[in-house]
Amino acid sequence: MGSNRREFLRNVAVGTAGVAFGGMASGFTAKSYSRIVGANDRLNVALMGCGRRVSAYYAALQDKKNNVDVAYICDVMKKQRDKVGKDLNGKISGKATLVSDIHEVWNDQGVDAIFNAAPDHWHAPGTWMAMNAGKHVYIEKPCSHNPREGELLVAFTKKYGKVVQMGNQQRSSKESQEIIAEIHKGVIGDAYKAVAFYANTRGESPVPKKAPVPEGLDWNLWQGPAPHQEYMHDIWDYNWHWYGWNWGTAETGNNATHELDIARWALQVNYPEQVDVEAAKRHFLNDGWEMYDTMDATFRFPGNKIIKWDGKSRNGHKTYGSDRGTIIYGSEGSVFVNREGYTLFDRSGKKIKDSKSSGSEAGTALGGGGDMTDGHVANFFNVIRGTETKLNSPIEEGAITQMLTHYANISYRINKSYKVNTETGRILDKDGMKLWDREYQKGWEPKL
């Protein structure tokens, strides 16, 4: 890395450190950054979170066309970072250092970008802290734990001028891009409704019990910005998704994000007028799963448009012929689209076109990964360098999609429907607005 670039990164780190305490924004944009990085310069990247999702990045990190060095592999559980280090040993460029504390990564001025694949409660705070340290961020879904964090992410991105891509990778599917463009041109007439769905056969979850912190786990750092609690058995390893709202966003935040994003993209809508939800825990009623596992949600938008969500976490019946996907209805036809491609039908239901992806992207398998993720990561790198001008899923778009999942969760939690201000996205219900933000562990509160 040249001395000019090191000096630039040092200045960015110093400048953004002042911003966090109320100073002026650094003023650097992705475009101005790219002029210094250069199209052929290597990017130094770090992995934050080495759970099930991290392996989805392996192919992109090993692809020589992406021209990256992996500088850090960071996870609060020793066995997870050790596993990733072993997986990537000799297969990637860069001398990756294995660390437990993400602060070491933020403090390294030579790191350009971070992949934030930590648990949900870390997504937004870990991203704005990384931007404060001068890093670009690939942030996994859900991009936020609550509605206010989505607002903050957009504000912080504007403040720091960083590239922030949300990990709803179907936005990088060539087939999805193709059919959405055709829908916008009127291939099915006026698109008025979308049904997004997910079906899985998740099993019984252990009932959490008081237990010693597992060897190798930094429990306090795992909790990070969330209010700290006593350790309970099995909380840290994936089942945190279902053990209350302190860390997770339930299945809607976990998976509905993808299909609701396609629905919103196709219908060209933002905030709904009305949110109606029926949800409950329907399976293994005495296990440790605290949230709903089955949800039907309806979002009504201006222009008489509607999006419905059919989420079944523990019933694998393929109601629509697939385990996940989105059906878009128009005045002159309909489209079925998922990660495998799309099928176009006329108004009578006759198949007009069938376009299947030449690659593969995992459906309901834990972790996922495939060609869509590879393309999504490459797009992130290329925008940082300036060789592409547009992110496929900029955080400004991702945050709006994520709001739909928060609306559904909030409706479930307050057990009633409500209206939404379609201009601001704010909930027009005092009980709903009580869940707009969250409490943070002391010292972790966001400072905009």
Protein backbone atom coordinates (compact mmCIF):
# COMPACT_ATOMS: atom_id res chain seq x y z
CA MET A 1 0.00 0.00 0.00
CA GLY A 2 1.50 3.33 -1.06
CA SER A 3 2.37 6.12 1.36
CA ASN A 4 -0.29 8.45 -0.12
CA ARG A 5 -2.99 5.90 0.50
CA ARG A 6 -1.80 5.22 4.04
CA GLU A 7 -1.85 8.96 4.73
CA PHE A 8 -5.36 9.20 3.30
CA LEU A 9 -6.63 6.34 5.46
CA ARG A 10 -4.98 7.88 8.51
CA ASN A 11 -6.68 11.21 7.84
CA VAL A 12 -10.06 9.52 7.35
CA ALA A 13 -9.71 7.65 10.65
CA VAL A 14 -8.76 10.83 12.50
CA GLY A 15 -11.48 12.87 10.82
CA THR A 16 -14.28 10.41 11.48
CA ALA A 17 -13.24 9.96 15.09
CA GLY A 18 -14.03 13.65 15.55
CA VAL A 19 -17.34 13.31 13.73
CA ALA A 20 -18.72 10.93 16.35
CA PHE A 21 -18.62 13.74 18.88
CA GLY A 22 -20.57 16.23 16.83
CA GLY A 23 -17.98 17.50 14.34
CA MET A 24 -18.55 18.06 10.66
CA ALA A 25 -18.62 15.08 8.31
CA SER A 26 -15.40 14.18 6.54
CA GLY A 27 -16.98 14.90 3.15
CA PHE A 28 -15.46 11.88 1.40
CA THR A 29 -17.80 10.01 -0.93
CA ALA A 30 -17.38 6.65 -2.63
CA LYS A 31 -16.35 8.52 -5.76
CA SER A 32 -13.67 10.60 -4.05
CA TYR A 33 -12.40 7.54 -2.19
CA SER A 34 -12.11 5.57 -5.43
CA ARG A 35 -9.82 8.18 -6.93
CA ILE A 36 -7.28 7.39 -4.22
CA VAL A 37 -7.79 3.65 -3.93
CA GLY A 38 -7.54 3.11 -7.65
CA ALA A 39 -9.11 0.41 -9.76
CA ASN A 40 -6.11 -1.89 -9.45
CA ASP A 41 -5.26 -1.46 -5.77
CA ARG A 42 -5.80 -4.33 -3.40
CA LEU A 43 -8.52 -3.91 -0.81
CA ASN A 44 -7.76 -5.03 2.72
CA VAL A 45 -10.85 -6.65 4.21
CA ALA A 46 -11.85 -8.12 7.56
CA LEU A 47 -14.43 -10.71 8.55
CA MET A 48 -16.57 -9.81 11.56
CA GLY A 49 -18.47 -12.86 12.71
CA CYS A 50 -17.47 -16.41 11.78
CA GLY A 51 -20.77 -18.25 12.15
CA ARG A 52 -22.82 -19.99 9.51
CA ARG A 53 -22.92 -17.13 7.01
CA VAL A 54 -19.19 -16.48 6.72
CA SER A 55 -18.48 -19.41 4.37
CA ALA A 56 -20.74 -17.75 1.79
CA TYR A 57 -17.96 -15.19 1.25
CA TYR A 58 -15.20 -17.72 0.66
CA ALA A 59 -15.50 -17.90 -3.13
CA ALA A 60 -15.49 -14.12 -3.56
CA LEU A 61 -12.51 -13.72 -1.24
CA GLN A 62 -10.56 -16.33 -3.18
CA ASP A 63 -11.49 -14.91 -6.59
CA LYS A 64 -8.35 -13.24 -7.93
CA LYS A 65 -10.46 -10.81 -9.99
CA ASN A 66 -11.66 -9.23 -6.74
CA ASN A 67 -8.06 -8.42 -5.78
CA VAL A 68 -8.42 -8.48 -1.99
CA ASP A 69 -6.30 -9.38 1.00
CA VAL A 70 -7.98 -10.76 4.11
CA ALA A 71 -6.38 -8.85 6.96
CA TYR A 72 -8.44 -10.12 9.92
CA ILE A 73 -10.70 -12.97 10.90
CA CYS A 74 -12.65 -11.82 13.94
CA ASP A 75 -15.05 -13.72 16.17
CA VAL A 76 -15.75 -13.71 19.90
CA MET A 77 -15.71 -17.54 19.94
CA LYS A 78 -12.23 -18.98 19.52
CA LYS A 79 -13.30 -22.22 17.83
CA GLN A 80 -15.22 -20.32 15.16
CA ARG A 81 -12.40 -17.98 14.16
CA ASP A 82 -9.96 -20.90 14.29
CA LYS A 83 -12.19 -22.89 11.92
CA VAL A 84 -12.39 -20.04 9.41
CA GLY A 85 -8.65 -19.53 9.65
CA LYS A 86 -8.15 -23.21 8.86
CA ASP A 87 -10.72 -23.13 6.04
CA LEU A 88 -8.99 -20.22 4.32
CA ASN A 89 -5.38 -21.13 5.08
CA GLY A 90 -3.42 -21.10 1.83
CA LYS A 91 -6.50 -20.24 -0.23
CA ILE A 92 -6.64 -16.46 0.13
CA SER A 93 -4.29 -13.56 -0.31
CA GLY A 94 -3.18 -11.68 2.78
CA LYS A 95 -1.86 -12.74 6.16
CA ALA A 96 -5.10 -12.89 8.11
CA THR A 97 -4.76 -12.23 11.82
CA LEU A 98 -7.21 -14.06 14.08
CA VAL A 99 -8.67 -11.78 16.76
CA SER A 100 -11.50 -11.80 19.28
CA ASP A 101 -12.09 -8.06 19.67
CA ILE A 102 -13.44 -6.13 16.69
CA HIS A 103 -11.94 -2.95 18.13
CA GLU A 104 -8.53 -4.19 16.95
CA VAL A 105 -9.87 -4.25 13.41
CA TRP A 106 -11.45 -0.81 13.62
CA ASN A 107 -8.22 0.62 15.00
CA ASP A 108 -6.15 -0.68 12.06
CA GLN A 109 -6.05 2.16 9.56
CA GLY A 110 -5.00 -0.22 6.79
CA VAL A 111 -8.35 -2.05 6.74
CA ASP A 112 -10.61 -0.81 3.95
CA ALA A 113 -13.78 -2.84 4.40
CA ILE A 114 -15.55 -5.11 6.86
CA PHE A 115 -18.01 -7.96 6.34
CA ASN A 116 -20.44 -7.70 9.24
CA ALA A 117 -21.95 -11.15 9.77
CA ALA A 118 -22.32 -10.97 13.55
CA PRO A 119 -25.69 -11.63 15.26
CA ASP A 120 -28.58 -9.25 14.49
CA HIS A 121 -28.07 -6.94 17.47
CA TRP A 122 -24.54 -6.18 16.19
CA HIS A 123 -25.47 -5.39 12.58
CA ALA A 124 -26.31 -1.69 12.79
CA PRO A 125 -24.01 -0.71 15.70
CA GLY A 126 -21.10 -2.67 14.22
CA THR A 127 -21.65 -0.92 10.91
CA TRP A 128 -21.80 2.65 12.15
CA MET A 129 -18.79 2.03 14.40
CA ALA A 130 -16.89 0.67 11.40
CA MET A 131 -17.83 3.73 9.35
CA ASN A 132 -16.67 5.93 12.21
CA ALA A 133 -13.30 4.15 11.92
CA GLY A 134 -13.13 4.85 8.19
CA LYS A 135 -14.30 1.47 6.84
CA HIS A 136 -16.74 0.50 4.15
CA VAL A 137 -19.20 -2.21 5.21
CA TYR A 138 -20.98 -5.19 3.72
CA ILE A 139 -23.77 -5.61 6.26
CA GLU A 140 -25.77 -8.81 6.46
CA LYS A 141 -29.52 -8.76 6.77
CA PRO A 142 -31.29 -7.73 8.84
CA CYS A 143 -29.49 -4.42 8.56
CA SER A 144 -31.13 -3.23 11.77
CA HIS A 145 -32.55 -4.63 14.99
CA ASN A 146 -35.33 -2.01 15.17
CA PRO A 147 -36.72 0.84 13.04
CA ARG A 148 -34.62 3.58 14.60
CA GLU A 149 -31.40 1.76 13.72
CA GLY A 150 -32.43 1.80 10.06
CA GLU A 151 -32.83 5.57 10.21
CA LEU A 152 -29.47 5.88 11.94
CA LEU A 153 -27.69 3.71 9.37
CA VAL A 154 -28.84 5.94 6.53
CA ALA A 155 -27.83 9.05 8.47
CA PHE A 156 -24.40 7.66 9.37
CA THR A 157 -23.78 6.57 5.77
CA LYS A 158 -24.45 10.11 4.55
CA LYS A 159 -22.32 11.53 7.34
CA TYR A 160 -19.25 9.41 6.67
CA GLY A 161 -19.56 8.98 2.89
CA LYS A 162 -18.89 5.25 3.04
CA VAL A 163 -20.02 2.42 0.79
CA VAL A 164 -22.55 0.25 2.66
CA GLN A 165 -24.09 -2.73 0.87
CA MET A 166 -26.87 -4.75 2.50
CA GLY A 167 -26.61 -8.52 2.11
CA ASN A 168 -29.94 -9.16 0.37
CA GLN A 169 -28.05 -10.82 -2.45
CA GLN A 170 -30.97 -11.57 -4.75
CA ARG A 171 -30.64 -7.96 -5.88
CA SER A 172 -27.53 -9.20 -7.72
CA SER A 173 -29.34 -12.03 -9.51
CA LYS A 174 -29.29 -11.39 -13.27
CA GLU A 175 -32.62 -13.19 -13.63
CA SER A 176 -34.25 -11.15 -10.87
CA GLN A 177 -32.87 -7.92 -12.33
CA GLU A 178 -34.18 -8.91 -15.75
CA ILE A 179 -37.74 -9.76 -14.74
CA ILE A 180 -38.10 -6.80 -12.35
CA ALA A 181 -37.09 -4.49 -15.20
CA GLU A 182 -39.70 -6.16 -17.43
CA ILE A 183 -42.38 -5.81 -14.74
CA HIS A 184 -41.57 -2.11 -14.51
CA LYS A 185 -41.98 -1.87 -18.30
CA GLY A 186 -45.45 -3.47 -18.05
CA VAL A 187 -44.90 -7.10 -19.03
CA ILE A 188 -47.71 -8.14 -16.64
CA GLY A 189 -49.66 -4.89 -16.93
CA ASP A 190 -50.11 -2.95 -13.71
CA ALA A 191 -48.42 -4.89 -10.91
CA TYR A 192 -50.73 -4.67 -7.92
CA LYS A 193 -49.97 -7.53 -5.52
CA ALA A 194 -47.08 -9.68 -4.37
CA VAL A 195 -47.11 -12.78 -2.18
CA ALA A 196 -43.77 -13.50 -0.52
CA PHE A 197 -43.27 -16.80 1.27
CA TYR A 198 -40.89 -19.07 3.17
CA ALA A 199 -41.31 -22.62 4.46
CA ASN A 200 -38.82 -24.52 6.60
CA THR A 201 -38.75 -27.47 8.99
CA ARG A 202 -36.85 -26.01 11.93
CA GLY A 203 -36.94 -28.40 14.85
CA GLU A 204 -37.34 -28.20 18.59
CA SER A 205 -35.21 -25.65 20.47
CA PRO A 206 -33.73 -26.38 23.90
CA VAL A 207 -35.18 -24.53 26.86
CA PRO A 208 -32.43 -22.11 27.97
CA LYS A 209 -30.96 -22.92 31.37
CA LYS A 210 -28.36 -21.17 33.46
CA ALA A 211 -24.92 -22.45 32.49
CA PRO A 212 -21.26 -21.48 32.60
CA VAL A 213 -19.95 -19.46 29.67
CA PRO A 214 -18.50 -21.89 27.08
CA GLU A 215 -14.73 -22.10 26.87
CA GLY A 216 -13.30 -19.66 24.34
CA LEU A 217 -16.37 -17.36 24.25
CA ASP A 218 -16.17 -13.67 25.19
CA TRP A 219 -19.79 -13.45 26.39
CA ASN A 220 -19.68 -9.75 27.24
CA LEU A 221 -18.38 -8.84 23.79
CA TRP A 222 -20.87 -11.21 22.13
CA GLN A 223 -23.64 -9.19 23.80
CA GLY A 224 -21.92 -5.92 22.92
CA PRO A 225 -24.51 -3.17 22.40
CA ALA A 226 -27.46 -5.21 23.73
CA PRO A 227 -28.31 -4.97 27.44
CA HIS A 228 -26.19 -7.63 29.13
CA GLN A 229 -27.74 -10.72 30.66
CA GLU A 230 -26.58 -13.80 32.52
CA TYR A 231 -25.42 -16.59 30.23
CA MET A 232 -27.92 -19.34 29.47
CA HIS A 233 -27.15 -22.62 27.71
CA ASP A 234 -27.02 -22.53 23.92
CA ILE A 235 -27.91 -18.84 23.59
CA TRP A 236 -24.79 -17.82 21.70
CA ASP A 237 -25.04 -20.39 18.89
CA TYR A 238 -27.83 -19.56 16.41
CA ASN A 239 -30.76 -20.20 18.77
CA TRP A 240 -30.41 -16.60 19.94
CA HIS A 241 -32.67 -15.97 16.93
CA TRP A 242 -35.62 -17.40 18.87
CA TYR A 243 -34.76 -16.56 22.48
CA GLY A 244 -36.49 -13.20 22.88
CA TRP A 245 -36.04 -9.77 21.35
CA ASN A 246 -32.79 -8.72 23.00
CA TRP A 247 -30.69 -10.12 20.14
CA GLY A 248 -32.84 -11.42 17.32
CA THR A 249 -35.55 -10.21 14.93
CA ALA A 250 -37.43 -13.55 14.61
CA GLU A 251 -37.91 -15.35 11.29
CA THR A 252 -39.31 -12.26 9.61
CA GLY A 253 -36.11 -10.33 10.18
CA ASN A 254 -34.04 -13.43 9.54
CA ASN A 255 -35.52 -14.53 6.22
CA ALA A 256 -38.56 -12.50 5.11
CA THR A 257 -36.18 -9.66 4.34
CA HIS A 258 -35.16 -11.36 1.08
CA GLU A 259 -38.59 -12.07 -0.40
CA LEU A 260 -40.21 -8.87 0.88
CA ASP A 261 -37.39 -6.98 -0.83
CA ILE A 262 -38.22 -8.60 -4.18
CA ALA A 263 -41.92 -7.81 -3.63
CA ARG A 264 -41.26 -4.17 -2.80
CA TRP A 265 -38.82 -3.84 -5.71
CA ALA A 266 -41.34 -5.27 -8.17
CA LEU A 267 -44.26 -3.13 -6.97
CA GLN A 268 -42.12 0.02 -6.63
CA VAL A 269 -43.47 0.85 -3.18
CA ASN A 270 -41.86 2.19 -0.02
CA TYR A 271 -43.78 2.55 3.25
CA PRO A 272 -47.21 0.94 3.68
CA GLU A 273 -50.38 2.68 4.84
CA GLN A 274 -51.61 -0.22 6.94
CA VAL A 275 -50.06 -3.29 8.61
CA ASP A 276 -52.10 -6.37 9.64
CA VAL A 277 -50.55 -9.47 11.19
CA GLU A 278 -51.65 -12.86 12.46
CA ALA A 279 -48.80 -14.76 14.07
CA ALA A 280 -48.26 -17.33 16.80
CA LYS A 281 -46.07 -20.15 18.01
CA ARG A 282 -47.72 -23.25 16.51
CA HIS A 283 -45.14 -26.02 16.97
CA PHE A 284 -43.25 -27.61 19.91
CA LEU A 285 -45.24 -25.44 22.29
CA ASN A 286 -43.13 -26.26 25.35
CA ASP A 287 -39.68 -25.78 23.85
CA GLY A 288 -37.37 -22.77 24.23
CA TRP A 289 -38.56 -20.90 21.13
CA GLU A 290 -40.10 -17.69 22.54
CA MET A 291 -41.42 -15.95 19.40
CA TYR A 292 -43.93 -16.83 16.73
CA ASP A 293 -42.93 -19.55 14.28
CA THR A 294 -45.83 -18.93 11.88
CA MET A 295 -46.87 -15.57 10.45
CA ASP A 296 -49.28 -14.11 7.91
CA ALA A 297 -48.69 -10.40 7.36
CA THR A 298 -50.41 -7.96 5.03
CA PHE A 299 -48.97 -4.58 4.01
CA ARG A 300 -51.30 -2.17 2.19
CA PHE A 301 -49.64 0.57 0.13
CA PRO A 302 -50.77 3.72 -1.66
CA GLY A 303 -52.15 3.09 -5.14
CA ASN A 304 -54.14 0.06 -3.98
CA LYS A 305 -51.04 -2.16 -3.94
CA ILE A 306 -50.53 -4.98 -1.47
CA ILE A 307 -47.77 -7.27 -0.24
CA LYS A 308 -48.52 -10.42 1.73
CA TRP A 309 -46.02 -12.48 3.73
CA ASP A 310 -46.60 -16.18 4.41
CA GLY A 311 -43.89 -17.39 6.78
CA LYS A 312 -43.76 -20.95 8.11
CA SER A 313 -40.59 -21.67 10.07
CA ARG A 314 -41.55 -25.18 11.19
CA ASN A 315 -43.88 -26.48 8.51
CA GLY A 316 -42.20 -27.40 5.27
CA HIS A 317 -45.35 -27.64 3.15
CA LYS A 318 -44.50 -25.98 -0.18
CA THR A 319 -47.76 -24.12 -0.60
CA TYR A 320 -46.52 -22.33 -3.72
CA GLY A 321 -44.38 -25.14 -5.13
CA SER A 322 -41.11 -23.95 -3.60
CA ASP A 323 -39.64 -23.42 -0.14
CA ARG A 324 -39.23 -19.69 -0.75
CA GLY A 325 -39.98 -17.11 -3.38
CA THR A 326 -42.27 -14.30 -4.50
CA ILE A 327 -45.32 -14.23 -6.77
CA ILE A 328 -46.15 -10.90 -8.42
CA TYR A 329 -49.63 -10.35 -9.86
CA GLY A 330 -50.47 -7.81 -12.53
CA SER A 331 -53.53 -6.81 -14.54
CA GLU A 332 -52.28 -8.82 -17.54
CA GLY A 333 -50.32 -11.69 -16.03
CA SER A 334 -48.14 -12.88 -13.17
CA VAL A 335 -44.56 -13.85 -12.34
CA PHE A 336 -43.07 -16.41 -9.99
CA VAL A 337 -39.50 -15.51 -9.00
CA ASN A 338 -37.04 -17.09 -6.59
CA ARG A 339 -33.32 -17.69 -6.34
CA GLU A 340 -33.45 -20.23 -9.15
CA GLY A 341 -34.91 -17.81 -11.72
CA TYR A 342 -38.41 -16.86 -12.79
CA THR A 343 -41.49 -18.02 -14.69
CA LEU A 344 -43.75 -15.57 -16.53
CA PHE A 345 -47.46 -16.32 -17.07
CA ASP A 346 -50.18 -14.53 -19.02
CA ARG A 347 -53.53 -13.64 -17.46
CA SER A 348 -54.98 -17.07 -18.23
CA GLY A 349 -52.12 -18.77 -16.39
CA LYS A 350 -50.33 -19.95 -19.52
CA LYS A 351 -46.55 -20.07 -19.19
CA ILE A 352 -44.95 -17.48 -21.44
CA LYS A 353 -41.30 -17.69 -20.42
CA ASP A 354 -39.16 -19.74 -18.08
CA SER A 355 -35.72 -18.41 -17.19
CA LYS A 356 -33.57 -20.45 -14.83
CA SER A 357 -30.34 -19.34 -13.23
CA SER A 358 -27.16 -20.95 -14.52
CA GLY A 359 -25.68 -20.72 -11.03
CA SER A 360 -26.88 -21.74 -7.60
CA GLU A 361 -27.78 -19.90 -4.41
CA ALA A 362 -28.83 -21.76 -1.29
CA GLY A 363 -32.50 -21.60 -0.34
CA THR A 364 -33.34 -22.54 3.25
CA ALA A 365 -29.98 -24.14 4.08
CA LEU A 366 -28.22 -22.48 7.01
CA GLY A 367 -25.53 -20.07 5.90
CA GLY A 368 -26.36 -20.12 2.23
CA GLY A 369 -24.00 -18.83 -0.40
CA GLY A 370 -23.61 -19.16 -4.15
CA ASP A 371 -23.32 -17.11 -7.31
CA MET A 372 -25.68 -14.34 -6.15
CA THR A 373 -23.59 -13.72 -3.05
CA ASP A 374 -20.43 -13.81 -5.17
CA GLY A 375 -21.87 -11.16 -7.49
CA HIS A 376 -23.16 -9.07 -4.61
CA VAL A 377 -19.73 -9.03 -2.95
CA ALA A 378 -18.01 -8.19 -6.25
CA ASN A 379 -20.42 -5.28 -6.76
CA PHE A 380 -19.50 -4.01 -3.26
CA PHE A 381 -15.78 -4.14 -4.07
CA ASN A 382 -16.23 -2.51 -7.47
CA VAL A 383 -18.18 0.43 -6.08
CA ILE A 384 -15.49 1.02 -3.45
CA ARG A 385 -12.93 1.17 -6.27
CA GLY A 386 -15.16 3.24 -8.53
CA THR A 387 -15.21 0.69 -11.37
CA GLU A 388 -18.97 0.46 -10.84
CA THR A 389 -21.04 3.48 -9.91
CA LYS A 390 -24.08 1.86 -8.31
CA LEU A 391 -24.57 -0.58 -5.46
CA ASN A 392 -27.15 -3.27 -6.11
CA SER A 393 -28.51 -2.88 -2.58
CA PRO A 394 -27.46 0.43 -1.02
CA ILE A 395 -28.38 0.79 2.61
CA GLU A 396 -30.90 3.51 1.76
CA GLU A 397 -32.96 0.86 -0.10
CA GLY A 398 -32.20 -1.97 2.28
CA ALA A 399 -33.36 0.01 5.30
CA ILE A 400 -36.80 0.58 3.74
CA THR A 401 -37.24 -3.12 3.02
CA GLN A 402 -36.12 -3.95 6.55
CA MET A 403 -38.84 -1.65 7.88
CA LEU A 404 -41.47 -4.09 6.59
CA THR A 405 -40.06 -6.82 8.82
CA HIS A 406 -40.00 -4.46 11.80
CA TYR A 407 -43.59 -3.41 11.13
CA ALA A 408 -44.67 -7.05 11.13
CA ASN A 409 -42.78 -7.87 14.32
CA ILE A 410 -44.15 -4.81 16.09
CA SER A 411 -47.72 -5.63 15.07
CA TYR A 412 -47.25 -9.13 16.50
CA ARG A 413 -45.74 -7.81 19.72
CA ILE A 414 -48.50 -5.24 20.42
CA ASN A 415 -51.18 -7.63 19.09
CA LYS A 416 -52.94 -5.15 16.84
CA SER A 417 -52.98 -3.63 13.38
CA TYR A 418 -51.95 -0.04 12.80
CA LYS A 419 -51.47 2.68 10.21
CA VAL A 420 -48.16 4.12 9.00
CA ASN A 421 -47.18 7.57 7.76
CA THR A 422 -46.24 6.80 4.15
CA GLU A 423 -43.92 9.80 3.92
CA THR A 424 -41.84 9.27 7.07
CA GLY A 425 -42.40 5.56 7.75
CA ARG A 426 -43.37 6.33 11.34
CA ILE A 427 -45.99 4.15 13.04
CA LEU A 428 -49.24 5.99 13.79
CA ASP A 429 -49.82 4.11 17.02
CA LYS A 430 -48.42 5.02 20.43
CA ASP A 431 -47.91 1.38 21.46
CA GLY A 432 -46.12 0.64 18.21
CA MET A 433 -43.83 3.65 18.60
CA LYS A 434 -42.74 2.38 22.01
CA LEU A 435 -40.88 -0.35 20.08
CA TRP A 436 -39.35 2.03 17.53
CA ASP A 437 -36.01 2.12 19.36
CA ARG A 438 -34.21 -0.10 21.83
CA GLU A 439 -32.27 0.17 25.08
CA TYR A 440 -28.48 -0.19 24.70
CA GLN A 441 -25.87 -1.41 27.12
CA LYS A 442 -24.43 1.64 28.86
CA GLY A 443 -21.62 3.11 26.80
CA TRP A 444 -22.87 1.63 23.50
CA GLU A 445 -25.53 4.22 22.71
CA PRO A 446 -25.32 5.63 19.14
CA LYS A 447 -23.93 9.16 18.82
CA LEU A 448 -25.00 10.83 15.59
